[in-house]
Amino acid sequence: MRENITITVVYGSPEEAVIVNAVSVAVSKLLEEGIEANIIQVYMPGTKPSVSVNGVHVEVDELLHLKIEEKAYETLIETITNKVSELVSGVAAMTIVEKT
């Protein structure tokens, strides 16, 4: 069974748009695990960057203020992928518990 999730990315400056690329890479990795994600990107000038999965905030702030270099970018992708996987696993587990 394929999981379907929605990832919302909000950013406030063109420089922060790199997070959308990181989320896109993370989504392709999640697809390999059977998790299908829709990305909603919102550009609101002056807004603090954030990522949420099905409305649940994912902590990536500490990585966003780093200068995005290759290693930091890879770490951001890995963090987003791991956090999304954890959230999806948690939601799936809660659904199973509620049904029993």
N, C-alpha and C. Protein backbone atom coordinates (compact mmCIF):
# COMPACT_ATOMS: atom_id res chain seq x y z
N MET A 1 0.84 -1.18 0.00
CA MET A 1 0.00 0.00 0.00
C MET A 1 0.88 1.24 0.00
N ARG A 2 0.58 2.17 -0.87
CA ARG A 2 1.37 3.39 -1.00
C ARG A 2 0.80 4.47 -0.09
N GLU A 3 1.69 5.11 0.68
CA GLU A 3 1.30 6.24 1.53
C GLU A 3 1.27 7.50 0.68
N ASN A 4 0.31 8.38 0.93
CA ASN A 4 0.23 9.67 0.26
C ASN A 4 0.34 10.77 1.30
N ILE A 5 1.24 11.71 1.08
CA ILE A 5 1.44 12.80 2.01
C ILE A 5 1.52 14.12 1.25
N THR A 6 1.36 15.21 1.99
CA THR A 6 1.53 16.55 1.42
C THR A 6 2.63 17.25 2.20
N ILE A 7 3.61 17.75 1.49
CA ILE A 7 4.71 18.50 2.10
C ILE A 7 4.55 19.96 1.68
N THR A 8 4.45 20.84 2.67
CA THR A 8 4.34 22.27 2.39
C THR A 8 5.65 22.94 2.74
N VAL A 9 6.20 23.67 1.78
CA VAL A 9 7.46 24.39 1.97
C VAL A 9 7.15 25.88 1.86
N VAL A 10 7.47 26.63 2.91
CA VAL A 10 7.28 28.08 2.91
C VAL A 10 8.65 28.72 3.02
N TYR A 11 8.91 29.73 2.19
CA TYR A 11 10.19 30.43 2.26
C TYR A 11 9.98 31.89 1.93
N GLY A 12 10.91 32.73 2.43
CA GLY A 12 10.71 34.16 2.32
C GLY A 12 11.71 34.92 1.48
N SER A 13 12.71 34.23 0.93
CA SER A 13 13.66 34.91 0.06
C SER A 13 14.10 33.93 -1.04
N PRO A 14 14.52 34.46 -2.18
CA PRO A 14 14.96 33.58 -3.27
C PRO A 14 16.10 32.65 -2.86
N GLU A 15 16.98 33.12 -1.97
CA GLU A 15 18.11 32.29 -1.53
C GLU A 15 17.62 31.05 -0.78
N GLU A 16 16.48 31.16 -0.11
CA GLU A 16 15.95 30.03 0.66
C GLU A 16 15.21 29.02 -0.20
N ALA A 17 15.02 29.33 -1.47
CA ALA A 17 14.32 28.41 -2.37
C ALA A 17 15.06 27.09 -2.53
N VAL A 18 16.32 27.05 -2.12
CA VAL A 18 17.09 25.81 -2.18
C VAL A 18 16.41 24.71 -1.37
N ILE A 19 15.63 25.09 -0.36
CA ILE A 19 14.93 24.08 0.43
C ILE A 19 13.91 23.33 -0.42
N VAL A 20 13.32 23.99 -1.41
CA VAL A 20 12.38 23.31 -2.31
C VAL A 20 13.12 22.22 -3.09
N ASN A 21 14.33 22.52 -3.54
CA ASN A 21 15.13 21.51 -4.24
C ASN A 21 15.45 20.34 -3.32
N ALA A 22 15.81 20.65 -2.08
CA ALA A 22 16.12 19.59 -1.12
C ALA A 22 14.90 18.71 -0.87
N VAL A 23 13.74 19.33 -0.73
CA VAL A 23 12.51 18.56 -0.52
C VAL A 23 12.21 17.70 -1.74
N SER A 24 12.44 18.22 -2.94
CA SER A 24 12.20 17.45 -4.16
C SER A 24 13.08 16.20 -4.22
N VAL A 25 14.34 16.35 -3.84
CA VAL A 25 15.24 15.19 -3.81
C VAL A 25 14.78 14.20 -2.74
N ALA A 26 14.40 14.73 -1.57
CA ALA A 26 13.91 13.86 -0.49
C ALA A 26 12.66 13.10 -0.94
N VAL A 27 11.77 13.77 -1.67
CA VAL A 27 10.54 13.14 -2.15
C VAL A 27 10.86 12.00 -3.11
N SER A 28 11.85 12.18 -3.97
CA SER A 28 12.21 11.09 -4.89
C SER A 28 12.75 9.89 -4.13
N LYS A 29 13.47 10.14 -3.05
CA LYS A 29 13.97 9.03 -2.22
C LYS A 29 12.82 8.35 -1.49
N LEU A 30 11.84 9.14 -1.02
CA LEU A 30 10.69 8.57 -0.33
C LEU A 30 9.84 7.73 -1.28
N LEU A 31 9.76 8.13 -2.54
CA LEU A 31 8.98 7.39 -3.52
C LEU A 31 9.52 5.96 -3.66
N GLU A 32 10.83 5.82 -3.56
CA GLU A 32 11.45 4.50 -3.60
C GLU A 32 11.00 3.64 -2.42
N GLU A 33 10.60 4.29 -1.31
CA GLU A 33 10.12 3.58 -0.13
C GLU A 33 8.61 3.40 -0.14
N GLY A 34 7.96 3.80 -1.25
CA GLY A 34 6.52 3.64 -1.35
C GLY A 34 5.72 4.79 -0.77
N ILE A 35 6.37 5.93 -0.55
CA ILE A 35 5.69 7.11 -0.01
C ILE A 35 5.58 8.15 -1.12
N GLU A 36 4.35 8.44 -1.53
CA GLU A 36 4.13 9.42 -2.59
C GLU A 36 3.80 10.76 -1.95
N ALA A 37 4.50 11.80 -2.37
CA ALA A 37 4.32 13.12 -1.76
C ALA A 37 3.99 14.18 -2.79
N ASN A 38 3.09 15.06 -2.42
CA ASN A 38 2.78 16.26 -3.20
C ASN A 38 3.46 17.42 -2.50
N ILE A 39 4.13 18.27 -3.26
CA ILE A 39 4.82 19.41 -2.68
C ILE A 39 4.04 20.68 -2.99
N ILE A 40 3.76 21.43 -1.94
CA ILE A 40 3.15 22.76 -2.10
C ILE A 40 4.22 23.75 -1.69
N GLN A 41 4.61 24.62 -2.60
CA GLN A 41 5.62 25.63 -2.24
C GLN A 41 4.96 26.99 -2.18
N VAL A 42 5.30 27.72 -1.11
CA VAL A 42 4.71 29.04 -0.88
C VAL A 42 5.84 30.04 -0.70
N TYR A 43 5.87 31.04 -1.56
CA TYR A 43 6.85 32.12 -1.44
C TYR A 43 6.14 33.33 -0.84
N MET A 44 6.55 33.70 0.37
CA MET A 44 5.98 34.86 1.06
C MET A 44 7.16 35.70 1.54
N PRO A 45 7.49 36.77 0.83
CA PRO A 45 8.65 37.59 1.19
C PRO A 45 8.67 37.95 2.67
N GLY A 46 9.84 37.74 3.28
CA GLY A 46 10.03 38.06 4.69
C GLY A 46 9.63 36.97 5.66
N THR A 47 9.06 35.88 5.16
CA THR A 47 8.62 34.79 6.02
C THR A 47 9.79 33.88 6.37
N LYS A 48 9.79 33.38 7.60
CA LYS A 48 10.80 32.42 8.03
C LYS A 48 10.54 31.09 7.31
N PRO A 49 11.59 30.45 6.80
CA PRO A 49 11.40 29.18 6.09
C PRO A 49 10.86 28.08 7.01
N SER A 50 9.99 27.25 6.46
CA SER A 50 9.47 26.13 7.24
C SER A 50 9.04 25.01 6.30
N VAL A 51 9.00 23.81 6.86
CA VAL A 51 8.55 22.63 6.13
C VAL A 51 7.55 21.91 7.03
N SER A 52 6.44 21.48 6.46
CA SER A 52 5.50 20.68 7.24
C SER A 52 5.03 19.50 6.39
N VAL A 53 4.74 18.41 7.08
CA VAL A 53 4.27 17.19 6.43
C VAL A 53 2.87 16.91 6.96
N ASN A 54 1.89 16.94 6.08
CA ASN A 54 0.49 16.78 6.50
C ASN A 54 0.16 17.68 7.68
N GLY A 55 0.70 18.89 7.66
CA GLY A 55 0.42 19.88 8.70
C GLY A 55 1.31 19.80 9.92
N VAL A 56 2.18 18.80 9.99
CA VAL A 56 3.08 18.65 11.14
C VAL A 56 4.43 19.26 10.79
N HIS A 57 4.87 20.21 11.61
CA HIS A 57 6.12 20.94 11.34
C HIS A 57 7.33 20.01 11.44
N VAL A 58 8.24 20.13 10.49
CA VAL A 58 9.49 19.37 10.49
C VAL A 58 10.61 20.33 10.85
N GLU A 59 11.40 20.00 11.86
CA GLU A 59 12.50 20.87 12.30
C GLU A 59 13.67 20.79 11.33
N VAL A 60 13.85 21.84 10.56
CA VAL A 60 15.01 21.94 9.67
C VAL A 60 15.67 23.31 9.80
N ASP A 61 15.14 24.14 10.69
CA ASP A 61 15.61 25.52 10.83
C ASP A 61 17.11 25.64 11.05
N GLU A 62 17.66 24.74 11.87
CA GLU A 62 19.08 24.86 12.20
C GLU A 62 19.97 24.68 10.97
N LEU A 63 19.48 24.01 9.95
CA LEU A 63 20.27 23.82 8.74
C LEU A 63 20.09 24.95 7.74
N LEU A 64 18.96 25.66 7.82
CA LEU A 64 18.65 26.67 6.82
C LEU A 64 19.52 27.91 6.92
N HIS A 65 19.97 28.25 8.13
CA HIS A 65 20.77 29.45 8.24
C HIS A 65 22.25 29.19 7.95
N LEU A 66 22.62 27.94 7.73
CA LEU A 66 23.97 27.63 7.29
C LEU A 66 24.09 28.06 5.83
N LYS A 67 25.28 28.42 5.44
CA LYS A 67 25.47 28.68 4.01
C LYS A 67 25.31 27.32 3.31
N ILE A 68 24.44 27.28 2.33
CA ILE A 68 24.16 25.99 1.68
C ILE A 68 25.34 25.60 0.80
N GLU A 69 26.08 24.64 1.31
CA GLU A 69 27.19 24.07 0.56
C GLU A 69 26.80 22.63 0.26
N GLU A 70 27.62 21.94 -0.48
CA GLU A 70 27.28 20.57 -0.88
C GLU A 70 26.97 19.70 0.33
N LYS A 71 27.82 19.76 1.36
CA LYS A 71 27.62 18.90 2.52
C LYS A 71 26.37 19.31 3.29
N ALA A 72 26.17 20.61 3.48
CA ALA A 72 24.98 21.08 4.19
C ALA A 72 23.72 20.71 3.42
N TYR A 73 23.78 20.81 2.10
CA TYR A 73 22.63 20.47 1.26
C TYR A 73 22.29 18.99 1.40
N GLU A 74 23.31 18.13 1.37
CA GLU A 74 23.08 16.69 1.55
C GLU A 74 22.49 16.40 2.93
N THR A 75 22.99 17.10 3.95
CA THR A 75 22.46 16.93 5.30
C THR A 75 21.00 17.36 5.37
N LEU A 76 20.68 18.45 4.70
CA LEU A 76 19.29 18.93 4.66
C LEU A 76 18.38 17.90 4.01
N ILE A 77 18.81 17.34 2.89
CA ILE A 77 18.03 16.31 2.20
C ILE A 77 17.83 15.11 3.11
N GLU A 78 18.91 14.67 3.75
CA GLU A 78 18.83 13.51 4.64
C GLU A 78 17.90 13.78 5.82
N THR A 79 18.01 14.97 6.41
CA THR A 79 17.16 15.32 7.54
C THR A 79 15.69 15.33 7.14
N ILE A 80 15.38 15.95 6.02
CA ILE A 80 13.99 16.01 5.55
C ILE A 80 13.47 14.60 5.27
N THR A 81 14.26 13.79 4.59
CA THR A 81 13.85 12.42 4.28
C THR A 81 13.57 11.63 5.55
N ASN A 82 14.48 11.71 6.52
CA ASN A 82 14.32 10.98 7.78
C ASN A 82 13.10 11.46 8.56
N LYS A 83 12.93 12.78 8.66
CA LYS A 83 11.80 13.32 9.42
C LYS A 83 10.47 12.93 8.78
N VAL A 84 10.40 13.01 7.45
CA VAL A 84 9.17 12.64 6.76
C VAL A 84 8.89 11.15 6.96
N SER A 85 9.91 10.32 6.86
CA SER A 85 9.73 8.88 7.07
C SER A 85 9.23 8.59 8.48
N GLU A 86 9.81 9.28 9.47
CA GLU A 86 9.37 9.10 10.86
C GLU A 86 7.91 9.49 11.03
N LEU A 87 7.54 10.64 10.46
CA LEU A 87 6.15 11.10 10.57
C LEU A 87 5.19 10.13 9.90
N VAL A 88 5.53 9.66 8.71
CA VAL A 88 4.65 8.73 8.00
C VAL A 88 4.54 7.42 8.76
N SER A 89 5.64 6.92 9.30
CA SER A 89 5.62 5.69 10.09
C SER A 89 4.75 5.87 11.33
N GLY A 90 4.87 7.02 11.97
CA GLY A 90 4.07 7.31 13.17
C GLY A 90 2.59 7.39 12.86
N VAL A 91 2.24 8.04 11.77
CA VAL A 91 0.83 8.15 11.36
C VAL A 91 0.28 6.78 11.01
N ALA A 92 1.07 5.98 10.30
CA ALA A 92 0.63 4.63 9.93
C ALA A 92 0.42 3.78 11.18
N ALA A 93 1.34 3.89 12.15
CA ALA A 93 1.22 3.13 13.39
C ALA A 93 -0.02 3.56 14.17
N MET A 94 -0.28 4.87 14.22
CA MET A 94 -1.46 5.37 14.93
C MET A 94 -2.73 4.88 14.26
N THR A 95 -2.74 4.81 12.94
CA THR A 95 -3.91 4.34 12.20
C THR A 95 -4.18 2.88 12.51
N ILE A 96 -3.13 2.08 12.57
CA ILE A 96 -3.27 0.66 12.89
C ILE A 96 -3.81 0.49 14.31
N VAL A 97 -3.28 1.25 15.27
CA VAL A 97 -3.72 1.15 16.66
C VAL A 97 -5.19 1.56 16.78
N GLU A 98 -5.60 2.62 16.09
CA GLU A 98 -6.98 3.08 16.15
C GLU A 98 -7.95 2.06 15.57
N LYS A 99 -7.52 1.31 14.57
CA LYS A 99 -8.40 0.34 13.92
C LYS A 99 -8.56 -0.93 14.75
N THR A 100 -7.60 -1.23 15.65
CA THR A 100 -7.69 -2.47 16.43
C THR A 100 -8.42 -2.26 17.72
